[in-house]
Amino acid sequence: GNWSVCTLLDGEGTLKRICIFSAYSLIPYVAALYITTIMSHF
């Protein structure tokens, strides 16, 4: 969706770059999922 929209808005990001950058951005949230699950048992 982002690649499709930003192509129309003259964005410079490629599909590969959007995928990599977006995945890296998920790291804190993903870490929080595991940490909070462990914390819930203590």
Full PDB file with SEQRES, HELIX, SHEET, SSBOND, CRYST1, ORIGX, SCALE, CONECT and MASTER records, all heavy atoms in Angstrom:
SEQRES   1 A   42  GLY ASN TRP SER VAL CYS THR LEU LEU ASP GLY GLU GLY          
SEQRES   2 A   42  THR LEU LYS ARG ILE CYS ILE PHE SER ALA TYR SER LEU          
SEQRES   3 A   42  ILE PRO TYR VAL ALA ALA LEU TYR ILE THR THR ILE MET          
SEQRES   4 A   42  SER HIS PHE                                                  
HELIX    1 AA1 ASN A    2  LEU A    8  1                                   7    
HELIX    2 AA2 LEU A   15  SER A   25  1                                  11    
HELIX    3 AA3 ILE A   27  MET A   39  1                                  13    
CRYST1    1.000    1.000    1.000  90.00  90.00  90.00 P 1           1          
ORIGX1      1.000000  0.000000  0.000000        0.00000                         
ORIGX2      0.000000  1.000000  0.000000        0.00000                         
ORIGX3      0.000000  0.000000  1.000000        0.00000                         
SCALE1      1.000000  0.000000  0.000000        0.00000                         
SCALE2      0.000000  1.000000  0.000000        0.00000                         
SCALE3      0.000000  0.000000  1.000000        0.00000                         
ATOM      1  N   GLY A   1       0.814  -1.211   0.000  1.00  0.00           N  
ATOM      2  CA  GLY A   1       0.000   0.000   0.000  1.00  0.00           C  
ATOM      3  C   GLY A   1       0.847   1.260   0.000  1.00  0.00           C  
ATOM      4  O   GLY A   1       0.569   2.213  -0.735  1.00  0.00           O  
ATOM      5  N   ASN A   2       1.903   1.279   0.810  1.00  0.00           N  
ATOM      6  CA  ASN A   2       2.773   2.453   0.867  1.00  0.00           C  
ATOM      7  C   ASN A   2       3.515   2.649  -0.441  1.00  0.00           C  
ATOM      8  O   ASN A   2       3.657   3.784  -0.926  1.00  0.00           O  
ATOM      9  CB  ASN A   2       3.761   2.310   2.022  1.00  0.00           C  
ATOM     10  CG  ASN A   2       4.641   3.531   2.201  1.00  0.00           C  
ATOM     11  OD1 ASN A   2       5.798   3.544   1.794  1.00  0.00           O  
ATOM     12  ND2 ASN A   2       4.087   4.581   2.788  1.00  0.00           N  
ATOM     13  N   TRP A   3       3.999   1.564  -1.010  1.00  0.00           N  
ATOM     14  CA  TRP A   3       4.709   1.661  -2.293  1.00  0.00           C  
ATOM     15  C   TRP A   3       3.780   2.181  -3.385  1.00  0.00           C  
ATOM     16  O   TRP A   3       4.158   3.037  -4.191  1.00  0.00           O  
ATOM     17  CB  TRP A   3       5.270   0.296  -2.669  1.00  0.00           C  
ATOM     18  CG  TRP A   3       5.904   0.267  -4.031  1.00  0.00           C  
ATOM     19  CD1 TRP A   3       7.127   0.756  -4.392  1.00  0.00           C  
ATOM     20  CD2 TRP A   3       5.315  -0.269  -5.224  1.00  0.00           C  
ATOM     21  NE1 TRP A   3       7.352   0.551  -5.731  1.00  0.00           N  
ATOM     22  CE2 TRP A   3       6.252  -0.089  -6.267  1.00  0.00           C  
ATOM     23  CE3 TRP A   3       4.113  -0.906  -5.509  1.00  0.00           C  
ATOM     24  CZ2 TRP A   3       6.001  -0.493  -7.567  1.00  0.00           C  
ATOM     25  CZ3 TRP A   3       3.859  -1.317  -6.809  1.00  0.00           C  
ATOM     26  CH2 TRP A   3       4.804  -1.108  -7.814  1.00  0.00           C  
ATOM     27  N   SER A   4       2.543   1.691  -3.395  1.00  0.00           N  
ATOM     28  CA  SER A   4       1.573   2.110  -4.416  1.00  0.00           C  
ATOM     29  C   SER A   4       1.250   3.595  -4.288  1.00  0.00           C  
ATOM     30  O   SER A   4       1.239   4.340  -5.281  1.00  0.00           O  
ATOM     31  CB  SER A   4       0.283   1.291  -4.284  1.00  0.00           C  
ATOM     32  OG  SER A   4       0.542  -0.088  -4.403  1.00  0.00           O  
ATOM     33  N   VAL A   5       0.984   4.035  -3.063  1.00  0.00           N  
ATOM     34  CA  VAL A   5       0.622   5.435  -2.829  1.00  0.00           C  
ATOM     35  C   VAL A   5       1.793   6.360  -3.113  1.00  0.00           C  
ATOM     36  O   VAL A   5       1.648   7.382  -3.799  1.00  0.00           O  
ATOM     37  CB  VAL A   5       0.126   5.622  -1.379  1.00  0.00           C  
ATOM     38  CG1 VAL A   5       0.050   7.091  -1.017  1.00  0.00           C  
ATOM     39  CG2 VAL A   5      -1.222   4.961  -1.189  1.00  0.00           C  
ATOM     40  N   CYS A   6       2.960   6.014  -2.598  1.00  0.00           N  
ATOM     41  CA  CYS A   6       4.115   6.901  -2.718  1.00  0.00           C  
ATOM     42  C   CYS A   6       4.687   6.934  -4.129  1.00  0.00           C  
ATOM     43  O   CYS A   6       5.397   7.881  -4.486  1.00  0.00           O  
ATOM     44  CB  CYS A   6       5.186   6.499  -1.710  1.00  0.00           C  
ATOM     45  SG  CYS A   6       4.667   6.795   0.006  1.00  0.00           S  
ATOM     46  N   THR A   7       4.396   5.933  -4.923  1.00  0.00           N  
ATOM     47  CA  THR A   7       4.774   5.992  -6.332  1.00  0.00           C  
ATOM     48  C   THR A   7       4.024   7.124  -7.024  1.00  0.00           C  
ATOM     49  O   THR A   7       4.587   7.846  -7.864  1.00  0.00           O  
ATOM     50  CB  THR A   7       4.456   4.657  -7.031  1.00  0.00           C  
ATOM     51  OG1 THR A   7       5.234   3.612  -6.424  1.00  0.00           O  
ATOM     52  CG2 THR A   7       4.800   4.714  -8.509  1.00  0.00           C  
ATOM     53  N   LEU A   8       2.755   7.300  -6.643  1.00  0.00           N  
ATOM     54  CA  LEU A   8       1.944   8.387  -7.200  1.00  0.00           C  
ATOM     55  C   LEU A   8       2.356   9.743  -6.634  1.00  0.00           C  
ATOM     56  O   LEU A   8       2.122  10.780  -7.263  1.00  0.00           O  
ATOM     57  CB  LEU A   8       0.461   8.136  -6.906  1.00  0.00           C  
ATOM     58  CG  LEU A   8      -0.127   6.844  -7.482  1.00  0.00           C  
ATOM     59  CD1 LEU A   8      -1.575   6.682  -7.030  1.00  0.00           C  
ATOM     60  CD2 LEU A   8      -0.045   6.848  -9.007  1.00  0.00           C  
ATOM     61  N   LEU A   9       2.953   9.737  -5.454  1.00  0.00           N  
ATOM     62  CA  LEU A   9       3.376  10.989  -4.806  1.00  0.00           C  
ATOM     63  C   LEU A   9       4.861  11.283  -5.027  1.00  0.00           C  
ATOM     64  O   LEU A   9       5.465  12.048  -4.284  1.00  0.00           O  
ATOM     65  CB  LEU A   9       3.099  10.910  -3.296  1.00  0.00           C  
ATOM     66  CG  LEU A   9       1.632  10.757  -2.878  1.00  0.00           C  
ATOM     67  CD1 LEU A   9       1.518  10.639  -1.370  1.00  0.00           C  
ATOM     68  CD2 LEU A   9       0.810  11.952  -3.377  1.00  0.00           C  
ATOM     69  N   ASP A  10       5.424  10.660  -6.058  1.00  0.00           N  
ATOM     70  CA  ASP A  10       6.832  10.897  -6.425  1.00  0.00           C  
ATOM     71  C   ASP A  10       7.799  10.515  -5.313  1.00  0.00           C  
ATOM     72  O   ASP A  10       8.829  11.181  -5.097  1.00  0.00           O  
ATOM     73  CB  ASP A  10       7.062  12.369  -6.813  1.00  0.00           C  
ATOM     74  CG  ASP A  10       6.239  12.779  -8.021  1.00  0.00           C  
ATOM     75  OD1 ASP A  10       6.087  11.947  -8.925  1.00  0.00           O  
ATOM     76  OD2 ASP A  10       5.741  13.916  -8.038  1.00  0.00           O  
ATOM     77  N   GLY A  11       7.490   9.453  -4.594  1.00  0.00           N  
ATOM     78  CA  GLY A  11       8.395   8.968  -3.555  1.00  0.00           C  
ATOM     79  C   GLY A  11       9.591   8.257  -4.164  1.00  0.00           C  
ATOM     80  O   GLY A  11       9.484   7.625  -5.215  1.00  0.00           O  
ATOM     81  N   GLU A  12      10.717   8.324  -3.483  1.00  0.00           N  
ATOM     82  CA  GLU A  12      11.943   7.714  -3.994  1.00  0.00           C  
ATOM     83  C   GLU A  12      12.150   6.285  -3.488  1.00  0.00           C  
ATOM     84  O   GLU A  12      13.056   5.592  -3.942  1.00  0.00           O  
ATOM     85  CB  GLU A  12      13.155   8.560  -3.590  1.00  0.00           C  
ATOM     86  CG  GLU A  12      13.151   9.963  -4.185  1.00  0.00           C  
ATOM     87  CD  GLU A  12      14.383  10.759  -3.795  1.00  0.00           C  
ATOM     88  OE1 GLU A  12      15.332  10.137  -3.245  1.00  0.00           O  
ATOM     89  OE2 GLU A  12      14.416  11.976  -4.044  1.00  0.00           O  
ATOM     90  N   GLY A  13      11.342   5.860  -2.553  1.00  0.00           N  
ATOM     91  CA  GLY A  13      11.525   4.541  -1.953  1.00  0.00           C  
ATOM     92  C   GLY A  13      11.133   3.400  -2.874  1.00  0.00           C  
ATOM     93  O   GLY A  13      10.080   3.432  -3.511  1.00  0.00           O  
ATOM     94  N   THR A  14      11.988   2.395  -2.931  1.00  0.00           N  
ATOM     95  CA  THR A  14      11.674   1.195  -3.691  1.00  0.00           C  
ATOM     96  C   THR A  14      10.920   0.213  -2.788  1.00  0.00           C  
ATOM     97  O   THR A  14      10.856   0.382  -1.563  1.00  0.00           O  
ATOM     98  CB  THR A  14      12.955   0.514  -4.195  1.00  0.00           C  
ATOM     99  OG1 THR A  14      13.757   0.119  -3.061  1.00  0.00           O  
ATOM    100  CG2 THR A  14      13.754   1.451  -5.081  1.00  0.00           C  
ATOM    101  N   LEU A  15      10.342  -0.804  -3.401  1.00  0.00           N  
ATOM    102  CA  LEU A  15       9.604  -1.805  -2.630  1.00  0.00           C  
ATOM    103  C   LEU A  15      10.525  -2.492  -1.625  1.00  0.00           C  
ATOM    104  O   LEU A  15      10.135  -2.742  -0.478  1.00  0.00           O  
ATOM    105  CB  LEU A  15       8.995  -2.845  -3.579  1.00  0.00           C  
ATOM    106  CG  LEU A  15       7.901  -3.753  -3.011  1.00  0.00           C  
ATOM    107  CD1 LEU A  15       6.694  -2.939  -2.572  1.00  0.00           C  
ATOM    108  CD2 LEU A  15       7.488  -4.791  -4.048  1.00  0.00           C  
ATOM    109  N   LYS A  16      11.751  -2.771  -2.017  1.00  0.00           N  
ATOM    110  CA  LYS A  16      12.732  -3.412  -1.139  1.00  0.00           C  
ATOM    111  C   LYS A  16      13.073  -2.511   0.041  1.00  0.00           C  
ATOM    112  O   LYS A  16      13.110  -2.961   1.192  1.00  0.00           O  
ATOM    113  CB  LYS A  16      13.992  -3.749  -1.931  1.00  0.00           C  
ATOM    114  CG  LYS A  16      15.106  -4.360  -1.087  1.00  0.00           C  
ATOM    115  CD  LYS A  16      16.358  -4.630  -1.922  1.00  0.00           C  
ATOM    116  CE  LYS A  16      17.490  -5.174  -1.061  1.00  0.00           C  
ATOM    117  NZ  LYS A  16      18.720  -5.423  -1.868  1.00  0.00           N  
ATOM    118  N   ARG A  17      13.320  -1.238  -0.243  1.00  0.00           N  
ATOM    119  CA  ARG A  17      13.699  -0.316   0.826  1.00  0.00           C  
ATOM    120  C   ARG A  17      12.550  -0.124   1.819  1.00  0.00           C  
ATOM    121  O   ARG A  17      12.770  -0.084   3.039  1.00  0.00           O  
ATOM    122  CB  ARG A  17      14.112   1.033   0.240  1.00  0.00           C  
ATOM    123  CG  ARG A  17      14.601   2.031   1.285  1.00  0.00           C  
ATOM    124  CD  ARG A  17      14.967   3.353   0.659  1.00  0.00           C  
ATOM    125  NE  ARG A  17      16.077   3.214  -0.272  1.00  0.00           N  
ATOM    126  CZ  ARG A  17      16.438   4.154  -1.127  1.00  0.00           C  
ATOM    127  NH1 ARG A  17      15.753   5.284  -1.199  1.00  0.00           N  
ATOM    128  NH2 ARG A  17      17.468   3.962  -1.920  1.00  0.00           N  
ATOM    129  N   ILE A  18      11.332  -0.001   1.322  1.00  0.00           N  
ATOM    130  CA  ILE A  18      10.174   0.157   2.200  1.00  0.00           C  
ATOM    131  C   ILE A  18      10.024  -1.069   3.095  1.00  0.00           C  
ATOM    132  O   ILE A  18       9.755  -0.954   4.298  1.00  0.00           O  
ATOM    133  CB  ILE A  18       8.893   0.371   1.379  1.00  0.00           C  
ATOM    134  CG1 ILE A  18       8.970   1.673   0.592  1.00  0.00           C  
ATOM    135  CG2 ILE A  18       7.661   0.401   2.287  1.00  0.00           C  
ATOM    136  CD1 ILE A  18       7.874   1.832  -0.438  1.00  0.00           C  
ATOM    137  N   CYS A  19      10.211  -2.248   2.513  1.00  0.00           N  
ATOM    138  CA  CYS A  19      10.090  -3.499   3.265  1.00  0.00           C  
ATOM    139  C   CYS A  19      11.137  -3.570   4.381  1.00  0.00           C  
ATOM    140  O   CYS A  19      10.809  -3.880   5.529  1.00  0.00           O  
ATOM    141  CB  CYS A  19      10.236  -4.684   2.316  1.00  0.00           C  
ATOM    142  SG  CYS A  19      10.137  -6.303   3.129  1.00  0.00           S  
ATOM    143  N   ILE A  20      12.374  -3.274   4.049  1.00  0.00           N  
ATOM    144  CA  ILE A  20      13.467  -3.346   5.034  1.00  0.00           C  
ATOM    145  C   ILE A  20      13.274  -2.308   6.129  1.00  0.00           C  
ATOM    146  O   ILE A  20      13.331  -2.627   7.326  1.00  0.00           O  
ATOM    147  CB  ILE A  20      14.825  -3.155   4.345  1.00  0.00           C  
ATOM    148  CG1 ILE A  20      15.135  -4.345   3.422  1.00  0.00           C  
ATOM    149  CG2 ILE A  20      15.938  -2.998   5.378  1.00  0.00           C  
ATOM    150  CD1 ILE A  20      16.386  -4.175   2.583  1.00  0.00           C  
ATOM    151  N   PHE A  21      13.034  -1.063   5.753  1.00  0.00           N  
ATOM    152  CA  PHE A  21      12.888   0.005   6.742  1.00  0.00           C  
ATOM    153  C   PHE A  21      11.689  -0.251   7.652  1.00  0.00           C  
ATOM    154  O   PHE A  21      11.759  -0.032   8.859  1.00  0.00           O  
ATOM    155  CB  PHE A  21      12.735   1.357   6.037  1.00  0.00           C  
ATOM    156  CG  PHE A  21      14.026   1.922   5.501  1.00  0.00           C  
ATOM    157  CD1 PHE A  21      15.144   1.127   5.336  1.00  0.00           C  
ATOM    158  CD2 PHE A  21      14.128   3.263   5.148  1.00  0.00           C  
ATOM    159  CE1 PHE A  21      16.332   1.632   4.847  1.00  0.00           C  
ATOM    160  CE2 PHE A  21      15.304   3.796   4.653  1.00  0.00           C  
ATOM    161  CZ  PHE A  21      16.409   2.978   4.500  1.00  0.00           C  
ATOM    162  N   SER A  22      10.579  -0.702   7.062  1.00  0.00           N  
ATOM    163  CA  SER A  22       9.374  -0.957   7.854  1.00  0.00           C  
ATOM    164  C   SER A  22       9.588  -2.114   8.825  1.00  0.00           C  
ATOM    165  O   SER A  22       9.136  -2.066   9.977  1.00  0.00           O  
ATOM    166  CB  SER A  22       8.190  -1.262   6.927  1.00  0.00           C  
ATOM    167  OG  SER A  22       7.876  -0.162   6.105  1.00  0.00           O  
ATOM    168  N   ALA A  23      10.279  -3.156   8.369  1.00  0.00           N  
ATOM    169  CA  ALA A  23      10.546  -4.307   9.233  1.00  0.00           C  
ATOM    170  C   ALA A  23      11.446  -3.919  10.402  1.00  0.00           C  
ATOM    171  O   ALA A  23      11.185  -4.294  11.550  1.00  0.00           O  
ATOM    172  CB  ALA A  23      11.190  -5.438   8.426  1.00  0.00           C  
ATOM    173  N   TYR A  24      12.473  -3.132  10.122  1.00  0.00           N  
ATOM    174  CA  TYR A  24      13.368  -2.684  11.195  1.00  0.00           C  
ATOM    175  C   TYR A  24      12.614  -1.837  12.219  1.00  0.00           C  
ATOM    176  O   TYR A  24      12.926  -1.866  13.416  1.00  0.00           O  
ATOM    177  CB  TYR A  24      14.524  -1.871  10.617  1.00  0.00           C  
ATOM    178  CG  TYR A  24      15.609  -2.697   9.932  1.00  0.00           C  
ATOM    179  CD1 TYR A  24      15.342  -3.997   9.487  1.00  0.00           C  
ATOM    180  CD2 TYR A  24      16.877  -2.194   9.724  1.00  0.00           C  
ATOM    181  CE1 TYR A  24      16.319  -4.753   8.856  1.00  0.00           C  
ATOM    182  CE2 TYR A  24      17.872  -2.953   9.097  1.00  0.00           C  
ATOM    183  CZ  TYR A  24      17.585  -4.223   8.659  1.00  0.00           C  
ATOM    184  OH  TYR A  24      18.552  -4.984   8.044  1.00  0.00           O  
ATOM    185  N   SER A  25      11.623  -1.085  11.737  1.00  0.00           N  
ATOM    186  CA  SER A  25      10.836  -0.230  12.633  1.00  0.00           C  
ATOM    187  C   SER A  25       9.986  -1.034  13.610  1.00  0.00           C  
ATOM    188  O   SER A  25       9.593  -0.522  14.666  1.00  0.00           O  
ATOM    189  CB  SER A  25       9.920   0.682  11.804  1.00  0.00           C  
ATOM    190  OG  SER A  25      10.665   1.494  10.932  1.00  0.00           O  
ATOM    191  N   LEU A  26       9.694  -2.274  13.280  1.00  0.00           N  
ATOM    192  CA  LEU A  26       8.850  -3.116  14.132  1.00  0.00           C  
ATOM    193  C   LEU A  26       9.573  -3.671  15.352  1.00  0.00           C  
ATOM    194  O   LEU A  26       8.933  -4.169  16.284  1.00  0.00           O  
ATOM    195  CB  LEU A  26       8.301  -4.292  13.318  1.00  0.00           C  
ATOM    196  CG  LEU A  26       7.235  -3.988  12.266  1.00  0.00           C  
ATOM    197  CD1 LEU A  26       6.910  -5.270  11.486  1.00  0.00           C  
ATOM    198  CD2 LEU A  26       5.983  -3.430  12.903  1.00  0.00           C  
ATOM    199  N   ILE A  27      10.903  -3.592  15.358  1.00  0.00           N  
ATOM    200  CA  ILE A  27      11.691  -4.268  16.396  1.00  0.00           C  
ATOM    201  C   ILE A  27      11.272  -3.898  17.824  1.00  0.00           C  
ATOM    202  O   ILE A  27      11.072  -4.789  18.652  1.00  0.00           O  
ATOM    203  CB  ILE A  27      13.194  -4.013  16.173  1.00  0.00           C  
ATOM    204  CG1 ILE A  27      13.655  -4.739  14.902  1.00  0.00           C  
ATOM    205  CG2 ILE A  27      14.021  -4.486  17.368  1.00  0.00           C  
ATOM    206  CD1 ILE A  27      15.098  -4.478  14.519  1.00  0.00           C  
ATOM    207  N   PRO A  28      11.134  -2.609  18.181  1.00  0.00           N  
ATOM    208  CA  PRO A  28      10.731  -2.300  19.565  1.00  0.00           C  
ATOM    209  C   PRO A  28       9.373  -2.903  19.936  1.00  0.00           C  
ATOM    210  O   PRO A  28       9.206  -3.401  21.059  1.00  0.00           O  
ATOM    211  CB  PRO A  28      10.679  -0.768  19.576  1.00  0.00           C  
ATOM    212  CG  PRO A  28      11.603  -0.352  18.488  1.00  0.00           C  
ATOM    213  CD  PRO A  28      11.436  -1.383  17.426  1.00  0.00           C  
ATOM    214  N   TYR A  29       8.422  -2.861  19.007  1.00  0.00           N  
ATOM    215  CA  TYR A  29       7.097  -3.417  19.297  1.00  0.00           C  
ATOM    216  C   TYR A  29       7.151  -4.929  19.451  1.00  0.00           C  
ATOM    217  O   TYR A  29       6.539  -5.493  20.359  1.00  0.00           O  
ATOM    218  CB  TYR A  29       6.116  -3.041  18.184  1.00  0.00           C  
ATOM    219  CG  TYR A  29       4.740  -3.619  18.380  1.00  0.00           C  
ATOM    220  CD1 TYR A  29       3.918  -3.165  19.412  1.00  0.00           C  
ATOM    221  CD2 TYR A  29       4.267  -4.636  17.559  1.00  0.00           C  
ATOM    222  CE1 TYR A  29       2.655  -3.701  19.605  1.00  0.00           C  
ATOM    223  CE2 TYR A  29       3.005  -5.171  17.745  1.00  0.00           C  
ATOM    224  CZ  TYR A  29       2.211  -4.705  18.768  1.00  0.00           C  
ATOM    225  OH  TYR A  29       0.959  -5.245  18.966  1.00  0.00           O  
ATOM    226  N   VAL A  30       7.899  -5.581  18.566  1.00  0.00           N  
ATOM    227  CA  VAL A  30       8.045  -7.036  18.648  1.00  0.00           C  
ATOM    228  C   VAL A  30       8.712  -7.429  19.961  1.00  0.00           C  
ATOM    229  O   VAL A  30       8.286  -8.376  20.632  1.00  0.00           O  
ATOM    230  CB  VAL A  30       8.857  -7.575  17.448  1.00  0.00           C  
ATOM    231  CG1 VAL A  30       9.150  -9.060  17.621  1.00  0.00           C  
ATOM    232  CG2 VAL A  30       8.109  -7.331  16.148  1.00  0.00           C  
ATOM    233  N   ALA A  31       9.755  -6.694  20.338  1.00  0.00           N  
ATOM    234  CA  ALA A  31      10.430  -6.963  21.611  1.00  0.00           C  
ATOM    235  C   ALA A  31       9.469  -6.781  22.778  1.00  0.00           C  
ATOM    236  O   ALA A  31       9.479  -7.562  23.739  1.00  0.00           O  
ATOM    237  CB  ALA A  31      11.634  -6.035  21.766  1.00  0.00           C  
ATOM    238  N   ALA A  32       8.612  -5.758  22.691  1.00  0.00           N  
ATOM    239  CA  ALA A  32       7.645  -5.495  23.759  1.00  0.00           C  
ATOM    240  C   ALA A  32       6.647  -6.643  23.909  1.00  0.00           C  
ATOM    241  O   ALA A  32       6.220  -6.959  25.023  1.00  0.00           O  
ATOM    242  CB  ALA A  32       6.902  -4.190  23.482  1.00  0.00           C  
ATOM    243  N   LEU A  33       6.275  -7.284  22.800  1.00  0.00           N  
ATOM    244  CA  LEU A  33       5.349  -8.414  22.867  1.00  0.00           C  
ATOM    245  C   LEU A  33       5.933  -9.553  23.714  1.00  0.00           C  
ATOM    246  O   LEU A  33       5.240 -10.123  24.571  1.00  0.00           O  
ATOM    247  CB  LEU A  33       5.038  -8.927  21.457  1.00  0.00           C  
ATOM    248  CG  LEU A  33       4.216  -8.012  20.544  1.00  0.00           C  
ATOM    249  CD1 LEU A  33       4.045  -8.658  19.179  1.00  0.00           C  
ATOM    250  CD2 LEU A  33       2.858  -7.700  21.157  1.00  0.00           C  
ATOM    251  N   TYR A  34       7.192  -9.864  23.468  1.00  0.00           N  
ATOM    252  CA  TYR A  34       7.841 -10.947  24.216  1.00  0.00           C  
ATOM    253  C   TYR A  34       8.091 -10.546  25.669  1.00  0.00           C  
ATOM    254  O   TYR A  34       7.857 -11.345  26.590  1.00  0.00           O  
ATOM    255  CB  TYR A  34       9.162 -11.325  23.548  1.00  0.00           C  
ATOM    256  CG  TYR A  34       9.013 -12.007  22.215  1.00  0.00           C  
ATOM    257  CD1 TYR A  34       9.121 -11.301  21.034  1.00  0.00           C  
ATOM    258  CD2 TYR A  34       8.754 -13.381  22.136  1.00  0.00           C  
ATOM    259  CE1 TYR A  34       8.983 -11.924  19.797  1.00  0.00           C  
ATOM    260  CE2 TYR A  34       8.623 -14.015  20.910  1.00  0.00           C  
ATOM    261  CZ  TYR A  34       8.734 -13.281  19.747  1.00  0.00           C  
ATOM    262  OH  TYR A  34       8.596 -13.896  18.529  1.00  0.00           O  
ATOM    263  N   ILE A  35       8.576  -9.323  25.875  1.00  0.00           N  
ATOM    264  CA  ILE A  35       8.907  -8.873  27.232  1.00  0.00           C  
ATOM    265  C   ILE A  35       7.668  -8.815  28.110  1.00  0.00           C  
ATOM    266  O   ILE A  35       7.679  -9.275  29.261  1.00  0.00           O  
ATOM    267  CB  ILE A  35       9.602  -7.496  27.187  1.00  0.00           C  
ATOM    268  CG1 ILE A  35      10.966  -7.614  26.508  1.00  0.00           C  
ATOM    269  CG2 ILE A  35       9.777  -6.931  28.603  1.00  0.00           C  
ATOM    270  CD1 ILE A  35      11.635  -6.280  26.242  1.00  0.00           C  
ATOM    271  N   THR A  36       6.578  -8.256  27.585  1.00  0.00           N  
ATOM    272  CA  THR A  36       5.353  -8.155  28.390  1.00  0.00           C  
ATOM    273  C   THR A  36       4.751  -9.520  28.686  1.00  0.00           C  
ATOM    274  O   THR A  36       4.173  -9.725  29.755  1.00  0.00           O  
ATOM    275  CB  THR A  36       4.308  -7.281  27.676  1.00  0.00           C  
ATOM    276  OG1 THR A  36       4.105  -7.754  26.330  1.00  0.00           O  
ATOM    277  CG2 THR A  36       4.765  -5.829  27.623  1.00  0.00           C  
ATOM    278  N   THR A  37       4.893 -10.449  27.746  1.00  0.00           N  
ATOM    279  CA  THR A  37       4.394 -11.809  27.994  1.00  0.00           C  
ATOM    280  C   THR A  37       5.155 -12.452  29.145  1.00  0.00           C  
ATOM    281  O   THR A  37       4.554 -13.084  30.033  1.00  0.00           O  
ATOM    282  CB  THR A  37       4.531 -12.676  26.731  1.00  0.00           C  
ATOM    283  OG1 THR A  37       3.803 -12.084  25.658  1.00  0.00           O  
ATOM    284  CG2 THR A  37       3.988 -14.080  26.981  1.00  0.00           C  
ATOM    285  N   ILE A  38       6.476 -12.282  29.147  1.00  0.00           N  
ATOM    286  CA  ILE A  38       7.297 -12.823  30.243  1.00  0.00           C  
ATOM    287  C   ILE A  38       6.963 -12.121  31.556  1.00  0.00           C  
ATOM    288  O   ILE A  38       6.803 -12.767  32.597  1.00  0.00           O  
ATOM    289  CB  ILE A  38       8.796 -12.667  29.911  1.00  0.00           C  
ATOM    290  CG1 ILE A  38       9.174 -13.527  28.696  1.00  0.00           C  
ATOM    291  CG2 ILE A  38       9.656 -13.056  31.117  1.00  0.00           C  
ATOM    292  CD1 ILE A  38      10.572 -13.297  28.181  1.00  0.00           C  
ATOM    293  N   MET A  39       6.825 -10.802  31.518  1.00  0.00           N  
ATOM    294  CA  MET A  39       6.513 -10.039  32.726  1.00  0.00           C  
ATOM    295  C   MET A  39       5.181 -10.448  33.334  1.00  0.00           C  
ATOM    296  O   MET A  39       5.010 -10.424  34.561  1.00  0.00           O  
ATOM    297  CB  MET A  39       6.493  -8.535  32.405  1.00  0.00           C  
ATOM    298  CG  MET A  39       7.849  -7.933  32.100  1.00  0.00           C  
ATOM    299  SD  MET A  39       7.734  -6.181  31.599  1.00  0.00           S  
ATOM    300  CE  MET A  39       7.131  -5.430  33.103  1.00  0.00           C  
ATOM    301  N   SER A  40       4.224 -10.819  32.488  1.00  0.00           N  
ATOM    302  CA  SER A  40       2.892 -11.177  32.987  1.00  0.00           C  
ATOM    303  C   SER A  40       2.909 -12.398  33.894  1.00  0.00           C  
ATOM    304  O   SER A  40       1.992 -12.599  34.697  1.00  0.00           O  
ATOM    305  CB  SER A  40       1.941 -11.426  31.808  1.00  0.00           C  
ATOM    306  OG  SER A  40       2.289 -12.621  31.110  1.00  0.00           O  
ATOM    307  N   HIS A  41       3.959 -13.216  33.778  1.00  0.00           N  
ATOM    308  CA  HIS A  41       4.061 -14.418  34.607  1.00  0.00           C  
ATOM    309  C   HIS A  41       4.791 -14.161  35.928  1.00  0.00           C  
ATOM    310  O   HIS A  41       4.862 -15.054  36.773  1.00  0.00           O  
ATOM    311  CB  HIS A  41       4.785 -15.521  33.835  1.00  0.00           C  
ATOM    312  CG  HIS A  41       3.989 -16.063  32.692  1.00  0.00           C  
ATOM    313  ND1 HIS A  41       3.030 -17.050  32.843  1.00  0.00           N  
ATOM    314  CD2 HIS A  41       3.988 -15.741  31.372  1.00  0.00           C  
ATOM    315  CE1 HIS A  41       2.487 -17.331  31.673  1.00  0.00           C  
ATOM    316  NE2 HIS A  41       3.048 -16.544  30.763  1.00  0.00           N  
ATOM    317  N   PHE A  42       5.322 -12.948  36.076  1.00  0.00           N  
ATOM    318  CA  PHE A  42       6.065 -12.633  37.302  1.00  0.00           C  
ATOM    319  C   PHE A  42       5.412 -11.513  38.122  1.00  0.00           C  
ATOM    320  O   PHE A  42       5.752 -11.331  39.284  1.00  0.00           O  
ATOM    321  CB  PHE A  42       7.509 -12.228  36.959  1.00  0.00           C  
ATOM    322  CG  PHE A  42       8.331 -13.359  36.416  1.00  0.00           C  
ATOM    323  CD1 PHE A  42       8.459 -13.543  35.050  1.00  0.00           C  
ATOM    324  CD2 PHE A  42       8.973 -14.251  37.269  1.00  0.00           C  
ATOM    325  CE1 PHE A  42       9.219 -14.591  34.539  1.00  0.00           C  
ATOM    326  CE2 PHE A  42       9.729 -15.298  36.760  1.00  0.00           C  
ATOM    327  CZ  PHE A  42       9.853 -15.472  35.405  1.00  0.00           C  
TER     328      PHE A  42                                                      
MASTER        0    0    0    3    0    0    0    6  327    1    0    4          
END                                                                             
